[in-house]
Amino acid sequence: VSGGQAQRAAVARALVHRPAVVLADEPTGALDSVAAEAVLDAMVQLVAETGTALLVVTHDHVVASHLARHVVLRDGRVEVPTGVTR
């Protein structure tokens, strides 16, 4: 089993039970762009349909662009995005 196959299987196992919270650390790191898009779409769809809370940690700006809110950690400090209050 390749790293990408194992990663897709892990994501599928996590999402199939429709959990209240999903914590995802680099959920697309071992995936090609097509598989990554499918995984992100499934995660976003789960949030839309069930209200699941989704926390994704990523270094990939493309992955982050699929998500509604962003918190940036730079040099050990949280940066508050423009237009967001603490």
PDB file of N, CA and C in Angstrom:
ATOM      1  N   VAL A   1       0.850  -1.173   0.000  1.00  0.00           N
ATOM      2  CA  VAL A   1       0.000   0.000   0.000  1.00  0.00           C
ATOM      3  C   VAL A   1       0.895   1.236   0.000  1.00  0.00           C
ATOM      4  N   SER A   2       0.629   2.147  -0.921  1.00  0.00           N
ATOM      5  CA  SER A   2       1.428   3.374  -1.002  1.00  0.00           C
ATOM      6  C   SER A   2       1.035   4.337   0.112  1.00  0.00           C
ATOM      7  N   GLY A   3       1.859   5.348   0.322  1.00  0.00           N
ATOM      8  CA  GLY A   3       1.556   6.375   1.320  1.00  0.00           C
ATOM      9  C   GLY A   3       0.258   7.093   1.008  1.00  0.00           C
ATOM     10  N   GLY A   4       0.047   7.387  -0.276  1.00  0.00           N
ATOM     11  CA  GLY A   4      -1.181   8.067  -0.682  1.00  0.00           C
ATOM     12  C   GLY A   4      -2.416   7.215  -0.447  1.00  0.00           C
ATOM     13  N   GLN A   5      -2.306   5.909  -0.749  1.00  0.00           N
ATOM     14  CA  GLN A   5      -3.441   5.010  -0.521  1.00  0.00           C
ATOM     15  C   GLN A   5      -3.757   4.907   0.968  1.00  0.00           C
ATOM     16  N   ALA A   6      -2.722   4.809   1.779  1.00  0.00           N
ATOM     17  CA  ALA A   6      -2.922   4.737   3.229  1.00  0.00           C
ATOM     18  C   ALA A   6      -3.557   6.024   3.750  1.00  0.00           C
ATOM     19  N   GLN A   7      -3.128   7.154   3.200  1.00  0.00           N
ATOM     20  CA  GLN A   7      -3.674   8.434   3.647  1.00  0.00           C
ATOM     21  C   GLN A   7      -5.148   8.564   3.253  1.00  0.00           C
ATOM     22  N   ARG A   8      -5.498   8.180   2.043  1.00  0.00           N
ATOM     23  CA  ARG A   8      -6.903   8.223   1.618  1.00  0.00           C
ATOM     24  C   ARG A   8      -7.762   7.303   2.484  1.00  0.00           C
ATOM     25  N   ALA A   9      -7.249   6.118   2.804  1.00  0.00           N
ATOM     26  CA  ALA A   9      -7.996   5.183   3.648  1.00  0.00           C
ATOM     27  C   ALA A   9      -8.202   5.758   5.049  1.00  0.00           C
ATOM     28  N   ALA A  10      -7.189   6.402   5.593  1.00  0.00           N
ATOM     29  CA  ALA A  10      -7.303   6.999   6.930  1.00  0.00           C
ATOM     30  C   ALA A  10      -8.347   8.114   6.944  1.00  0.00           C
ATOM     31  N   VAL A  11      -8.354   8.936   5.909  1.00  0.00           N
ATOM     32  CA  VAL A  11      -9.342  10.016   5.822  1.00  0.00           C
ATOM     33  C   VAL A  11     -10.744   9.424   5.688  1.00  0.00           C
ATOM     34  N   ALA A  12     -10.896   8.420   4.855  1.00  0.00           N
ATOM     35  CA  ALA A  12     -12.207   7.784   4.672  1.00  0.00           C
ATOM     36  C   ALA A  12     -12.714   7.196   5.984  1.00  0.00           C
ATOM     37  N   ARG A  13     -11.829   6.502   6.722  1.00  0.00           N
ATOM     38  CA  ARG A  13     -12.233   5.936   8.020  1.00  0.00           C
ATOM     39  C   ARG A  13     -12.675   7.035   8.980  1.00  0.00           C
ATOM     40  N   ALA A  14     -11.980   8.160   8.954  1.00  0.00           N
ATOM     41  CA  ALA A  14     -12.311   9.265   9.863  1.00  0.00           C
ATOM     42  C   ALA A  14     -13.652   9.903   9.511  1.00  0.00           C
ATOM     43  N   LEU A  15     -13.955  10.008   8.233  1.00  0.00           N
ATOM     44  CA  LEU A  15     -15.159  10.724   7.807  1.00  0.00           C
ATOM     45  C   LEU A  15     -16.420   9.864   7.785  1.00  0.00           C
ATOM     46  N   VAL A  16     -16.285   8.563   7.625  1.00  0.00           N
ATOM     47  CA  VAL A  16     -17.444   7.694   7.434  1.00  0.00           C
ATOM     48  C   VAL A  16     -18.382   7.704   8.644  1.00  0.00           C
ATOM     49  N   HIS A  17     -17.862   7.945   9.819  1.00  0.00           N
ATOM     50  CA  HIS A  17     -18.694   7.938  11.025  1.00  0.00           C
ATOM     51  C   HIS A  17     -19.286   9.300  11.349  1.00  0.00           C
ATOM     52  N   ARG A  18     -19.031  10.282  10.484  1.00  0.00           N
ATOM     53  CA  ARG A  18     -19.556  11.645  10.654  1.00  0.00           C
ATOM     54  C   ARG A  18     -19.301  12.177  12.071  1.00  0.00           C
ATOM     55  N   PRO A  19     -18.042  12.325  12.415  1.00  0.00           N
ATOM     56  CA  PRO A  19     -17.693  12.768  13.766  1.00  0.00           C
ATOM     57  C   PRO A  19     -18.063  14.229  14.003  1.00  0.00           C
ATOM     58  N   ALA A  20     -18.120  14.619  15.268  1.00  0.00           N
ATOM     59  CA  ALA A  20     -18.405  16.011  15.622  1.00  0.00           C
ATOM     60  C   ALA A  20     -17.211  16.907  15.310  1.00  0.00           C
ATOM     61  N   VAL A  21     -16.002  16.349  15.432  1.00  0.00           N
ATOM     62  CA  VAL A  21     -14.771  17.113  15.205  1.00  0.00           C
ATOM     63  C   VAL A  21     -13.797  16.256  14.404  1.00  0.00           C
ATOM     64  N   VAL A  22     -13.141  16.862  13.416  1.00  0.00           N
ATOM     65  CA  VAL A  22     -12.066  16.208  12.669  1.00  0.00           C
ATOM     66  C   VAL A  22     -10.815  17.057  12.828  1.00  0.00           C
ATOM     67  N   LEU A  23      -9.741  16.435  13.310  1.00  0.00           N
ATOM     68  CA  LEU A  23      -8.437  17.082  13.391  1.00  0.00           C
ATOM     69  C   LEU A  23      -7.582  16.471  12.295  1.00  0.00           C
ATOM     70  N   ALA A  24      -7.132  17.286  11.352  1.00  0.00           N
ATOM     71  CA  ALA A  24      -6.412  16.776  10.187  1.00  0.00           C
ATOM     72  C   ALA A  24      -5.066  17.479  10.049  1.00  0.00           C
ATOM     73  N   ASP A  25      -3.992  16.736  10.256  1.00  0.00           N
ATOM     74  CA  ASP A  25      -2.639  17.266  10.136  1.00  0.00           C
ATOM     75  C   ASP A  25      -2.102  16.903   8.755  1.00  0.00           C
ATOM     76  N   GLU A  26      -1.985  17.885   7.882  1.00  0.00           N
ATOM     77  CA  GLU A  26      -1.521  17.684   6.498  1.00  0.00           C
ATOM     78  C   GLU A  26      -2.287  16.538   5.825  1.00  0.00           C
ATOM     79  N   PRO A  27      -3.615  16.648   5.720  1.00  0.00           N
ATOM     80  CA  PRO A  27      -4.417  15.537   5.210  1.00  0.00           C
ATOM     81  C   PRO A  27      -4.171  15.185   3.749  1.00  0.00           C
ATOM     82  N   THR A  28      -3.515  16.055   3.005  1.00  0.00           N
ATOM     83  CA  THR A  28      -3.272  15.773   1.584  1.00  0.00           C
ATOM     84  C   THR A  28      -1.786  15.667   1.266  1.00  0.00           C
ATOM     85  N   GLY A  29      -0.952  15.593   2.274  1.00  0.00           N
ATOM     86  CA  GLY A  29       0.497  15.632   2.087  1.00  0.00           C
ATOM     87  C   GLY A  29       1.062  14.559   1.167  1.00  0.00           C
ATOM     88  N   ALA A  30       0.497  13.356   1.179  1.00  0.00           N
ATOM     89  CA  ALA A  30       1.027  12.258   0.370  1.00  0.00           C
ATOM     90  C   ALA A  30       0.195  12.003  -0.884  1.00  0.00           C
ATOM     91  N   LEU A  31      -0.698  12.936  -1.215  1.00  0.00           N
ATOM     92  CA  LEU A  31      -1.624  12.716  -2.325  1.00  0.00           C
ATOM     93  C   LEU A  31      -1.261  13.535  -3.551  1.00  0.00           C
ATOM     94  N   ASP A  32      -1.612  13.006  -4.728  1.00  0.00           N
ATOM     95  CA  ASP A  32      -1.468  13.804  -5.947  1.00  0.00           C
ATOM     96  C   ASP A  32      -2.592  14.840  -5.965  1.00  0.00           C
ATOM     97  N   SER A  33      -2.532  15.767  -6.895  1.00  0.00           N
ATOM     98  CA  SER A  33      -3.473  16.894  -6.885  1.00  0.00           C
ATOM     99  C   SER A  33      -4.927  16.458  -7.075  1.00  0.00           C
ATOM    100  N   VAL A  34      -5.172  15.437  -7.862  1.00  0.00           N
ATOM    101  CA  VAL A  34      -6.544  14.968  -8.096  1.00  0.00           C
ATOM    102  C   VAL A  34      -7.111  14.334  -6.825  1.00  0.00           C
ATOM    103  N   ALA A  35      -6.329  13.472  -6.192  1.00  0.00           N
ATOM    104  CA  ALA A  35      -6.778  12.832  -4.951  1.00  0.00           C
ATOM    105  C   ALA A  35      -6.923  13.862  -3.835  1.00  0.00           C
ATOM    106  N   ALA A  36      -6.009  14.822  -3.776  1.00  0.00           N
ATOM    107  CA  ALA A  36      -6.075  15.874  -2.753  1.00  0.00           C
ATOM    108  C   ALA A  36      -7.359  16.677  -2.896  1.00  0.00           C
ATOM    109  N   GLU A  37      -7.711  17.007  -4.123  1.00  0.00           N
ATOM    110  CA  GLU A  37      -8.950  17.758  -4.379  1.00  0.00           C
ATOM    111  C   GLU A  37     -10.164  16.962  -3.912  1.00  0.00           C
ATOM    112  N   ALA A  38     -10.175  15.657  -4.175  1.00  0.00           N
ATOM    113  CA  ALA A  38     -11.297  14.808  -3.763  1.00  0.00           C
ATOM    114  C   ALA A  38     -11.407  14.737  -2.241  1.00  0.00           C
ATOM    115  N   VAL A  39     -10.274  14.617  -1.562  1.00  0.00           N
ATOM    116  CA  VAL A  39     -10.274  14.560  -0.099  1.00  0.00           C
ATOM    117  C   VAL A  39     -10.774  15.877   0.481  1.00  0.00           C
ATOM    118  N   LEU A  40     -10.274  16.994  -0.038  1.00  0.00           N
ATOM    119  CA  LEU A  40     -10.712  18.304   0.449  1.00  0.00           C
ATOM    120  C   LEU A  40     -12.199  18.514   0.210  1.00  0.00           C
ATOM    121  N   ASP A  41     -12.672  18.131  -0.966  1.00  0.00           N
ATOM    122  CA  ASP A  41     -14.103  18.258  -1.267  1.00  0.00           C
ATOM    123  C   ASP A  41     -14.942  17.444  -0.282  1.00  0.00           C
ATOM    124  N   ALA A  42     -14.496  16.222   0.036  1.00  0.00           N
ATOM    125  CA  ALA A  42     -15.231  15.377   0.980  1.00  0.00           C
ATOM    126  C   ALA A  42     -15.265  16.003   2.367  1.00  0.00           C
ATOM    127  N   MET A  43     -14.150  16.575   2.786  1.00  0.00           N
ATOM    128  CA  MET A  43     -14.096  17.204   4.107  1.00  0.00           C
ATOM    129  C   MET A  43     -15.002  18.436   4.169  1.00  0.00           C
ATOM    130  N   VAL A  44     -14.939  19.269   3.157  1.00  0.00           N
ATOM    131  CA  VAL A  44     -15.771  20.475   3.121  1.00  0.00           C
ATOM    132  C   VAL A  44     -17.249  20.099   3.032  1.00  0.00           C
ATOM    133  N   GLN A  45     -17.568  19.071   2.275  1.00  0.00           N
ATOM    134  CA  GLN A  45     -18.957  18.607   2.170  1.00  0.00           C
ATOM    135  C   GLN A  45     -19.456  18.095   3.520  1.00  0.00           C
ATOM    136  N   LEU A  46     -18.621  17.364   4.240  1.00  0.00           N
ATOM    137  CA  LEU A  46     -19.001  16.873   5.562  1.00  0.00           C
ATOM    138  C   LEU A  46     -19.344  18.033   6.487  1.00  0.00           C
ATOM    139  N   VAL A  47     -18.532  19.073   6.468  1.00  0.00           N
ATOM    140  CA  VAL A  47     -18.783  20.255   7.293  1.00  0.00           C
ATOM    141  C   VAL A  47     -20.120  20.892   6.914  1.00  0.00           C
ATOM    142  N   ALA A  48     -20.356  21.048   5.617  1.00  0.00           N
ATOM    143  CA  ALA A  48     -21.585  21.693   5.145  1.00  0.00           C
ATOM    144  C   ALA A  48     -22.827  20.883   5.504  1.00  0.00           C
ATOM    145  N   GLU A  49     -22.733  19.564   5.408  1.00  0.00           N
ATOM    146  CA  GLU A  49     -23.905  18.713   5.623  1.00  0.00           C
ATOM    147  C   GLU A  49     -24.182  18.408   7.087  1.00  0.00           C
ATOM    148  N   THR A  50     -23.144  18.352   7.908  1.00  0.00           N
ATOM    149  CA  THR A  50     -23.331  17.860   9.278  1.00  0.00           C
ATOM    150  C   THR A  50     -22.944  18.864  10.355  1.00  0.00           C
ATOM    151  N   GLY A  51     -22.263  19.928   9.971  1.00  0.00           N
ATOM    152  CA  GLY A  51     -21.801  20.877  10.979  1.00  0.00           C
ATOM    153  C   GLY A  51     -20.568  20.410  11.719  1.00  0.00           C
ATOM    154  N   THR A  52     -19.917  19.389  11.213  1.00  0.00           N
ATOM    155  CA  THR A  52     -18.678  18.903  11.814  1.00  0.00           C
ATOM    156  C   THR A  52     -17.671  20.037  11.897  1.00  0.00           C
ATOM    157  N   ALA A  53     -16.971  20.116  13.017  1.00  0.00           N
ATOM    158  CA  ALA A  53     -15.884  21.086  13.153  1.00  0.00           C
ATOM    159  C   ALA A  53     -14.638  20.473  12.526  1.00  0.00           C
ATOM    160  N   LEU A  54     -13.981  21.220  11.665  1.00  0.00           N
ATOM    161  CA  LEU A  54     -12.813  20.724  10.944  1.00  0.00           C
ATOM    162  C   LEU A  54     -11.628  21.624  11.237  1.00  0.00           C
ATOM    163  N   LEU A  55     -10.571  21.052  11.811  1.00  0.00           N
ATOM    164  CA  LEU A  55      -9.338  21.778  12.068  1.00  0.00           C
ATOM    165  C   LEU A  55      -8.252  21.134  11.226  1.00  0.00           C
ATOM    166  N   VAL A  56      -7.706  21.902  10.288  1.00  0.00           N
ATOM    167  CA  VAL A  56      -6.683  21.400   9.378  1.00  0.00           C
ATOM    168  C   VAL A  56      -5.391  22.161   9.624  1.00  0.00           C
ATOM    169  N   VAL A  57      -4.311  21.420   9.769  1.00  0.00           N
ATOM    170  CA  VAL A  57      -2.981  22.016   9.859  1.00  0.00           C
ATOM    171  C   VAL A  57      -2.295  21.728   8.531  1.00  0.00           C
ATOM    172  N   THR A  58      -1.809  22.778   7.870  1.00  0.00           N
ATOM    173  CA  THR A  58      -1.172  22.596   6.571  1.00  0.00           C
ATOM    174  C   THR A  58      -0.168  23.698   6.288  1.00  0.00           C
ATOM    175  N   HIS A  59       0.795  23.370   5.452  1.00  0.00           N
ATOM    176  CA  HIS A  59       1.726  24.361   4.923  1.00  0.00           C
ATOM    177  C   HIS A  59       1.355  24.713   3.483  1.00  0.00           C
ATOM    178  N   ASP A  60       0.338  24.052   2.963  1.00  0.00           N
ATOM    179  CA  ASP A  60      -0.050  24.173   1.561  1.00  0.00           C
ATOM    180  C   ASP A  60      -1.126  25.251   1.404  1.00  0.00           C
ATOM    181  N   HIS A  61      -0.790  26.318   0.700  1.00  0.00           N
ATOM    182  CA  HIS A  61      -1.732  27.423   0.507  1.00  0.00           C
ATOM    183  C   HIS A  61      -2.947  27.003  -0.319  1.00  0.00           C
ATOM    184  N   VAL A  62      -2.787  26.040  -1.210  1.00  0.00           N
ATOM    185  CA  VAL A  62      -3.916  25.547  -2.003  1.00  0.00           C
ATOM    186  C   VAL A  62      -4.918  24.843  -1.087  1.00  0.00           C
ATOM    187  N   VAL A  63      -4.425  24.035  -0.173  1.00  0.00           N
ATOM    188  CA  VAL A  63      -5.305  23.367   0.793  1.00  0.00           C
ATOM    189  C   VAL A  63      -6.028  24.416   1.630  1.00  0.00           C
ATOM    190  N   ALA A  64      -5.291  25.377   2.147  1.00  0.00           N
ATOM    191  CA  ALA A  64      -5.881  26.422   2.989  1.00  0.00           C
ATOM    192  C   ALA A  64      -6.957  27.207   2.244  1.00  0.00           C
ATOM    193  N   SER A  65      -6.780  27.390   0.945  1.00  0.00           N
ATOM    194  CA  SER A  65      -7.743  28.181   0.176  1.00  0.00           C
ATOM    195  C   SER A  65      -9.117  27.513   0.099  1.00  0.00           C
ATOM    196  N   HIS A  66      -9.202  26.227   0.370  1.00  0.00           N
ATOM    197  CA  HIS A  66     -10.483  25.516   0.359  1.00  0.00           C
ATOM    198  C   HIS A  66     -11.272  25.716   1.651  1.00  0.00           C
ATOM    199  N   LEU A  67     -10.644  26.280   2.652  1.00  0.00           N
ATOM    200  CA  LEU A  67     -11.242  26.360   3.982  1.00  0.00           C
ATOM    201  C   LEU A  67     -11.745  27.761   4.281  1.00  0.00           C
ATOM    202  N   ALA A  68     -12.776  27.842   5.104  1.00  0.00           N
ATOM    203  CA  ALA A  68     -13.463  29.116   5.341  1.00  0.00           C
ATOM    204  C   ALA A  68     -12.686  30.074   6.226  1.00  0.00           C
ATOM    205  N   ARG A  69     -12.028  29.578   7.239  1.00  0.00           N
ATOM    206  CA  ARG A  69     -11.306  30.449   8.174  1.00  0.00           C
ATOM    207  C   ARG A  69      -9.858  30.009   8.261  1.00  0.00           C
ATOM    208  N   HIS A  70      -8.992  30.987   8.518  1.00  0.00           N
ATOM    209  CA  HIS A  70      -7.558  30.701   8.609  1.00  0.00           C
ATOM    210  C   HIS A  70      -6.975  31.341   9.856  1.00  0.00           C
ATOM    211  N   VAL A  71      -6.106  30.626  10.508  1.00  0.00           N
ATOM    212  CA  VAL A  71      -5.288  31.171  11.578  1.00  0.00           C
ATOM    213  C   VAL A  71      -3.856  30.887  11.166  1.00  0.00           C
ATOM    214  N   VAL A  72      -3.057  31.927  11.083  1.00  0.00           N
ATOM    215  CA  VAL A  72      -1.675  31.777  10.633  1.00  0.00           C
ATOM    216  C   VAL A  72      -0.759  31.848  11.846  1.00  0.00           C
ATOM    217  N   LEU A  73       0.130  30.876  11.945  1.00  0.00           N
ATOM    218  CA  LEU A  73       1.141  30.866  12.983  1.00  0.00           C
ATOM    219  C   LEU A  73       2.474  31.179  12.314  1.00  0.00           C
ATOM    220  N   ARG A  74       3.082  32.298  12.690  1.00  0.00           N
ATOM    221  CA  ARG A  74       4.353  32.704  12.088  1.00  0.00           C
ATOM    222  C   ARG A  74       5.327  33.041  13.213  1.00  0.00           C
ATOM    223  N   ASP A  75       6.475  32.391  13.174  1.00  0.00           N
ATOM    224  CA  ASP A  75       7.514  32.614  14.182  1.00  0.00           C
ATOM    225  C   ASP A  75       6.972  32.432  15.594  1.00  0.00           C
ATOM    226  N   GLY A  76       6.113  31.431  15.774  1.00  0.00           N
ATOM    227  CA  GLY A  76       5.583  31.115  17.089  1.00  0.00           C
ATOM    228  C   GLY A  76       4.473  32.023  17.578  1.00  0.00           C
ATOM    229  N   ARG A  77       3.999  32.910  16.726  1.00  0.00           N
ATOM    230  CA  ARG A  77       2.933  33.840  17.116  1.00  0.00           C
ATOM    231  C   ARG A  77       1.736  33.685  16.181  1.00  0.00           C
ATOM    232  N   VAL A  78       0.557  33.868  16.758  1.00  0.00           N
ATOM    233  CA  VAL A  78      -0.667  33.825  15.961  1.00  0.00           C
ATOM    234  C   VAL A  78      -0.856  35.178  15.306  1.00  0.00           C
ATOM    235  N   GLU A  79      -1.051  35.167  13.992  1.00  0.00           N
ATOM    236  CA  GLU A  79      -1.363  36.387  13.253  1.00  0.00           C
ATOM    237  C   GLU A  79      -2.866  36.434  13.026  1.00  0.00           C
ATOM    238  N   VAL A  80      -3.465  37.548  13.349  1.00  0.00           N
ATOM    239  CA  VAL A  80      -4.902  37.715  13.134  1.00  0.00           C
ATOM    240  C   VAL A  80      -5.100  38.262  11.729  1.00  0.00           C
ATOM    241  N   PRO A  81      -5.852  37.538  10.882  1.00  0.00           N
ATOM    242  CA  PRO A  81      -6.077  38.015   9.513  1.00  0.00           C
ATOM    243  C   PRO A  81      -6.804  39.355   9.489  1.00  0.00           C
ATOM    244  N   THR A  82      -6.587  40.115   8.441  1.00  0.00           N
ATOM    245  CA  THR A  82      -7.263  41.397   8.259  1.00  0.00           C
ATOM    246  C   THR A  82      -8.772  41.192   8.286  1.00  0.00           C
ATOM    247  N   GLY A  83      -9.477  42.061   9.000  1.00  0.00           N
ATOM    248  CA  GLY A  83     -10.932  41.985   9.055  1.00  0.00           C
ATOM    249  C   GLY A  83     -11.470  41.068  10.133  1.00  0.00           C
ATOM    250  N   VAL A  84     -10.589  40.411  10.879  1.00  0.00           N
ATOM    251  CA  VAL A  84     -11.018  39.509  11.945  1.00  0.00           C
ATOM    252  C   VAL A  84     -10.611  40.116  13.274  1.00  0.00           C
ATOM    253  N   THR A  85     -11.534  40.123  14.210  1.00  0.00           N
ATOM    254  CA  THR A  85     -11.218  40.648  15.539  1.00  0.00           C
ATOM    255  C   THR A  85     -10.932  39.498  16.488  1.00  0.00           C
ATOM    256  N   ARG A  86     -10.195  39.780  17.515  1.00  0.00           N
ATOM    257  CA  ARG A  86      -9.842  38.725  18.486  1.00  0.00           C
ATOM    258  C   ARG A  86     -10.973  38.425  19.415  1.00  0.00           C
TER     259      ARG A  86
END
